[in-house]
Structures are given as C-alpha cells and as structure tokens.
PDB file of all heavy atoms in Angstrom:
ATOM      1  N   SER A   1     -39.165  80.384 101.789  1.00  0.00           N
ATOM      2  CA  SER A   1     -38.747  81.427 100.907  1.00  0.00           C
ATOM      3  C   SER A   1     -39.042  81.053  99.411  1.00  0.00           C
ATOM      4  O   SER A   1     -38.644  79.891  98.967  1.00  0.00           O
ATOM      5  CB  SER A   1     -37.248  81.697 101.035  1.00  0.00           C
ATOM      6  OG  SER A   1     -36.675  82.271  99.923  1.00  0.00           O
ATOM      7  N   VAL A   2     -39.612  81.917  98.648  1.00  0.00           N
ATOM      8  CA  VAL A   2     -39.837  81.660  97.273  1.00  0.00           C
ATOM      9  C   VAL A   2     -38.447  81.628  96.472  1.00  0.00           C
ATOM     10  O   VAL A   2     -38.411  80.900  95.439  1.00  0.00           O
ATOM     11  CB  VAL A   2     -40.744  82.693  96.566  1.00  0.00           C
ATOM     12  CG1 VAL A   2     -42.214  82.705  97.267  1.00  0.00           C
ATOM     13  CG2 VAL A   2     -40.162  84.080  96.765  1.00  0.00           C
ATOM     14  N   ASP A   3     -37.526  82.248  96.993  1.00  0.00           N
ATOM     15  CA  ASP A   3     -36.168  82.170  96.203  1.00  0.00           C
ATOM     16  C   ASP A   3     -35.581  80.795  96.361  1.00  0.00           C
ATOM     17  O   ASP A   3     -35.003  80.301  95.467  1.00  0.00           O
ATOM     18  CB  ASP A   3     -35.232  83.233  96.926  1.00  0.00           C
ATOM     19  CG  ASP A   3     -35.621  84.683  96.564  1.00  0.00           C
ATOM     20  OD1 ASP A   3     -36.473  84.864  95.665  1.00  0.00           O
ATOM     21  OD2 ASP A   3     -35.136  85.579  97.234  1.00  0.00           O
ATOM     22  N   ILE A   4     -35.738  80.171  97.591  1.00  0.00           N
ATOM     23  CA  ILE A   4     -35.253  78.782  97.777  1.00  0.00           C
ATOM     24  C   ILE A   4     -36.120  77.854  96.896  1.00  0.00           C
ATOM     25  O   ILE A   4     -35.634  76.978  96.270  1.00  0.00           O
ATOM     26  CB  ILE A   4     -35.217  78.470  99.178  1.00  0.00           C
ATOM     27  CG1 ILE A   4     -34.242  79.225  99.963  1.00  0.00           C
ATOM     28  CG2 ILE A   4     -34.983  76.877  99.389  1.00  0.00           C
ATOM     29  CD1 ILE A   4     -34.242  79.024 101.445  1.00  0.00           C
ATOM     30  N   ALA A   5     -37.457  78.074  97.010  1.00  0.00           N
ATOM     31  CA  ALA A   5     -38.335  77.183  96.230  1.00  0.00           C
ATOM     32  C   ALA A   5     -38.097  77.095  94.755  1.00  0.00           C
ATOM     33  O   ALA A   5     -38.144  76.048  94.182  1.00  0.00           O
ATOM     34  CB  ALA A   5     -39.736  77.616  96.450  1.00  0.00           C
ATOM     35  N   GLN A   6     -37.774  78.186  94.099  1.00  0.00           N
ATOM     36  CA  GLN A   6     -37.542  78.197  92.717  1.00  0.00           C
ATOM     37  C   GLN A   6     -36.253  77.410  92.367  1.00  0.00           C
ATOM     38  O   GLN A   6     -36.176  76.980  91.209  1.00  0.00           O
ATOM     39  CB  GLN A   6     -37.447  79.665  92.106  1.00  0.00           C
ATOM     40  CG  GLN A   6     -36.214  80.414  92.439  1.00  0.00           C
ATOM     41  CD  GLN A   6     -36.227  81.805  91.804  1.00  0.00           C
ATOM     42  OE1 GLN A   6     -37.209  82.186  91.221  1.00  0.00           O
ATOM     43  NE2 GLN A   6     -35.136  82.542  91.865  1.00  0.00           N
ATOM     44  N   GLY A   7     -35.303  77.405  93.235  1.00  0.00           N
ATOM     45  CA  GLY A   7     -34.048  76.666  92.932  1.00  0.00           C
ATOM     46  C   GLY A   7     -34.290  75.122  93.092  1.00  0.00           C
ATOM     47  O   GLY A   7     -33.581  74.336  92.376  1.00  0.00           O
ATOM     48  N   VAL A   8     -35.165  74.792  93.954  1.00  0.00           N
ATOM     49  CA  VAL A   8     -35.378  73.408  94.269  1.00  0.00           C
ATOM     50  C   VAL A   8     -36.365  72.696  93.321  1.00  0.00           C
ATOM     51  O   VAL A   8     -36.258  71.609  92.949  1.00  0.00           O
ATOM     52  CB  VAL A   8     -35.865  73.187  95.768  1.00  0.00           C
ATOM     53  CG1 VAL A   8     -36.072  71.739  96.104  1.00  0.00           C
ATOM     54  CG2 VAL A   8     -34.635  73.710  96.654  1.00  0.00           C
ATOM     55  N   ASP A   9     -37.504  73.471  93.053  1.00  0.00           N
ATOM     56  CA  ASP A   9     -38.588  72.825  92.312  1.00  0.00           C
ATOM     57  C   ASP A   9     -38.211  72.638  90.873  1.00  0.00           C
ATOM     58  O   ASP A   9     -37.437  73.264  90.199  1.00  0.00           O
ATOM     59  CB  ASP A   9     -39.777  73.852  92.248  1.00  0.00           C
ATOM     60  CG  ASP A   9     -40.428  73.941  93.694  1.00  0.00           C
ATOM     61  OD1 ASP A   9     -40.053  73.188  94.510  1.00  0.00           O
ATOM     62  OD2 ASP A   9     -41.239  74.928  93.830  1.00  0.00           O
ATOM     63  N   ALA A  10     -38.869  71.477  90.286  1.00  0.00           N
ATOM     64  CA  ALA A  10     -38.727  71.196  88.943  1.00  0.00           C
ATOM     65  C   ALA A  10     -39.579  72.176  88.123  1.00  0.00           C
ATOM     66  O   ALA A  10     -40.647  72.603  88.577  1.00  0.00           O
ATOM     67  CB  ALA A  10     -39.232  69.776  88.676  1.00  0.00           C
ATOM     68  N   ALA A  11     -39.190  72.543  86.901  1.00  0.00           N
ATOM     69  CA  ALA A  11     -39.902  73.539  86.141  1.00  0.00           C
ATOM     70  C   ALA A  11     -39.319  73.346  84.724  1.00  0.00           C
ATOM     71  O   ALA A  11     -38.193  73.462  84.407  1.00  0.00           O
ATOM     72  CB  ALA A  11     -39.697  74.950  86.592  1.00  0.00           C
ATOM     73  N   GLY A  12     -40.308  73.138  83.673  1.00  0.00           N
ATOM     74  CA  GLY A  12     -39.935  73.029  82.223  1.00  0.00           C
ATOM     75  C   GLY A  12     -38.963  71.896  82.180  1.00  0.00           C
ATOM     76  O   GLY A  12     -39.242  70.693  82.548  1.00  0.00           O
ATOM     77  N   ASN A  13     -37.801  72.125  81.573  1.00  0.00           N
ATOM     78  CA  ASN A  13     -36.763  71.059  81.377  1.00  0.00           C
ATOM     79  C   ASN A  13     -35.867  70.884  82.562  1.00  0.00           C
ATOM     80  O   ASN A  13     -34.896  70.146  82.546  1.00  0.00           O
ATOM     81  CB  ASN A  13     -35.888  71.368  80.131  1.00  0.00           C
ATOM     82  CG  ASN A  13     -36.756  71.215  78.864  1.00  0.00           C
ATOM     83  OD1 ASN A  13     -37.653  70.496  78.803  1.00  0.00           O
ATOM     84  ND2 ASN A  13     -36.473  72.160  77.878  1.00  0.00           N
ATOM     85  N   LYS A  14     -36.082  71.701  83.629  1.00  0.00           N
ATOM     86  CA  LYS A  14     -35.217  71.626  84.807  1.00  0.00           C
ATOM     87  C   LYS A  14     -35.725  70.624  85.808  1.00  0.00           C
ATOM     88  O   LYS A  14     -36.831  70.645  86.232  1.00  0.00           O
ATOM     89  CB  LYS A  14     -35.164  73.056  85.466  1.00  0.00           C
ATOM     90  CG  LYS A  14     -34.407  73.079  86.762  1.00  0.00           C
ATOM     91  CD  LYS A  14     -34.503  74.407  87.432  1.00  0.00           C
ATOM     92  CE  LYS A  14     -33.904  74.483  88.794  1.00  0.00           C
ATOM     93  NZ  LYS A  14     -34.607  73.618  89.800  1.00  0.00           N
ATOM     94  N   ASP A  15     -34.836  69.725  86.191  1.00  0.00           N
ATOM     95  CA  ASP A  15     -35.175  68.750  87.229  1.00  0.00           C
ATOM     96  C   ASP A  15     -35.137  69.399  88.651  1.00  0.00           C
ATOM     97  O   ASP A  15     -34.585  70.457  88.768  1.00  0.00           O
ATOM     98  CB  ASP A  15     -34.298  67.495  87.118  1.00  0.00           C
ATOM     99  CG  ASP A  15     -34.855  66.271  87.949  1.00  0.00           C
ATOM    100  OD1 ASP A  15     -35.954  66.387  88.416  1.00  0.00           O
ATOM    101  OD2 ASP A  15     -34.012  65.324  88.011  1.00  0.00           O
ATOM    102  N   GLU A  16     -35.598  68.728  89.538  1.00  0.00           N
ATOM    103  CA  GLU A  16     -35.527  69.264  90.937  1.00  0.00           C
ATOM    104  C   GLU A  16     -34.049  69.309  91.288  1.00  0.00           C
ATOM    105  O   GLU A  16     -33.224  68.446  91.113  1.00  0.00           O
ATOM    106  CB  GLU A  16     -36.191  68.263  92.037  1.00  0.00           C
ATOM    107  CG  GLU A  16     -37.714  68.152  91.812  1.00  0.00           C
ATOM    108  CD  GLU A  16     -38.258  67.158  92.793  1.00  0.00           C
ATOM    109  OE1 GLU A  16     -37.592  66.713  93.759  1.00  0.00           O
ATOM    110  OE2 GLU A  16     -39.444  66.865  92.697  1.00  0.00           O
ATOM    111  N   GLY A  17     -33.744  70.448  91.999  1.00  0.00           N
ATOM    112  CA  GLY A  17     -32.370  70.676  92.402  1.00  0.00           C
ATOM    113  C   GLY A  17     -32.161  70.373  93.889  1.00  0.00           C
ATOM    114  O   GLY A  17     -33.071  70.173  94.602  1.00  0.00           O
ATOM    115  N   ALA A  18     -30.955  70.289  94.308  1.00  0.00           N
ATOM    116  CA  ALA A  18     -30.616  70.136  95.724  1.00  0.00           C
ATOM    117  C   ALA A  18     -31.143  71.341  96.496  1.00  0.00           C
ATOM    118  O   ALA A  18     -31.120  72.490  96.078  1.00  0.00           O
ATOM    119  CB  ALA A  18     -29.144  70.014  95.891  1.00  0.00           C
ATOM    120  N   GLY A  19     -31.629  71.020  97.689  1.00  0.00           N
ATOM    121  CA  GLY A  19     -32.112  72.123  98.567  1.00  0.00           C
ATOM    122  C   GLY A  19     -31.056  72.999  99.113  1.00  0.00           C
ATOM    123  O   GLY A  19     -31.355  74.073  99.639  1.00  0.00           O
ATOM    124  N   ASP A  20     -29.853  72.652  98.990  1.00  0.00           N
ATOM    125  CA  ASP A  20     -28.693  73.508  99.448  1.00  0.00           C
ATOM    126  C   ASP A  20     -27.370  72.976  98.925  1.00  0.00           C
ATOM    127  O   ASP A  20     -27.447  71.840  98.452  1.00  0.00           O
ATOM    128  CB  ASP A  20     -28.664  73.606 101.011  1.00  0.00           C
ATOM    129  CG  ASP A  20     -27.964  74.771 101.506  1.00  0.00           C
ATOM    130  OD1 ASP A  20     -27.266  75.512 100.731  1.00  0.00           O
ATOM    131  OD2 ASP A  20     -27.869  74.975 102.766  1.00  0.00           O
ATOM    132  N   GLN A  21     -26.361  73.688  98.987  1.00  0.00           N
ATOM    133  CA  GLN A  21     -25.030  73.161  98.629  1.00  0.00           C
ATOM    134  C   GLN A  21     -24.536  72.385  99.867  1.00  0.00           C
ATOM    135  O   GLN A  21     -25.103  72.426 100.961  1.00  0.00           O
ATOM    136  CB  GLN A  21     -24.065  74.278  98.379  1.00  0.00           C
ATOM    137  CG  GLN A  21     -23.638  75.081  99.600  1.00  0.00           C
ATOM    138  CD  GLN A  21     -22.592  76.125  99.356  1.00  0.00           C
ATOM    139  OE1 GLN A  21     -22.696  76.775  98.349  1.00  0.00           O
ATOM    140  NE2 GLN A  21     -21.556  76.241 100.165  1.00  0.00           N
ATOM    141  N   GLY A  22     -23.517  71.514  99.632  1.00  0.00           N
ATOM    142  CA  GLY A  22     -22.968  70.763 100.854  1.00  0.00           C
ATOM    143  C   GLY A  22     -22.173  69.557 100.343  1.00  0.00           C
ATOM    144  O   GLY A  22     -22.303  69.091  99.262  1.00  0.00           O
ATOM    145  N   ILE A  23     -21.502  69.003 101.401  1.00  0.00           N
ATOM    146  CA  ILE A  23     -20.884  67.716 101.189  1.00  0.00           C
ATOM    147  C   ILE A  23     -21.438  66.752 102.195  1.00  0.00           C
ATOM    148  O   ILE A  23     -21.689  67.122 103.338  1.00  0.00           O
ATOM    149  CB  ILE A  23     -19.378  67.816 101.366  1.00  0.00           C
ATOM    150  CG1 ILE A  23     -19.018  68.435 102.717  1.00  0.00           C
ATOM    151  CG2 ILE A  23     -18.785  68.664 100.232  1.00  0.00           C
ATOM    152  CD1 ILE A  23     -17.454  68.491 103.021  1.00  0.00           C
ATOM    153  N   MET A  24     -21.578  65.480 101.818  1.00  0.00           N
ATOM    154  CA  MET A  24     -22.193  64.468 102.608  1.00  0.00           C
ATOM    155  C   MET A  24     -21.362  63.144 102.511  1.00  0.00           C
ATOM    156  O   MET A  24     -20.758  62.984 101.391  1.00  0.00           O
ATOM    157  CB  MET A  24     -23.635  64.124 102.192  1.00  0.00           C
ATOM    158  CG  MET A  24     -24.588  65.237 102.283  1.00  0.00           C
ATOM    159  SD  MET A  24     -24.537  66.277 100.768  1.00  0.00           S
ATOM    160  CE  MET A  24     -25.037  67.835 101.337  1.00  0.00           C
TER     161      MET A  24
END
C-alpha cells in the first residue's frame, strides 16, 4: 500500500518510521 509506504519511508527531514504501531 502506498499509504503504508509513505509513513515508513524516509523523505526530506523525516527519518524512516516504524512499519506499524505496537509493543515489543
């Protein structure tokens, strides 16, 4: 999904984000 991809991918000043919420 492109919606998931835009949240995870680095862009501009944004670092890579977690692929989902959660506790580990």
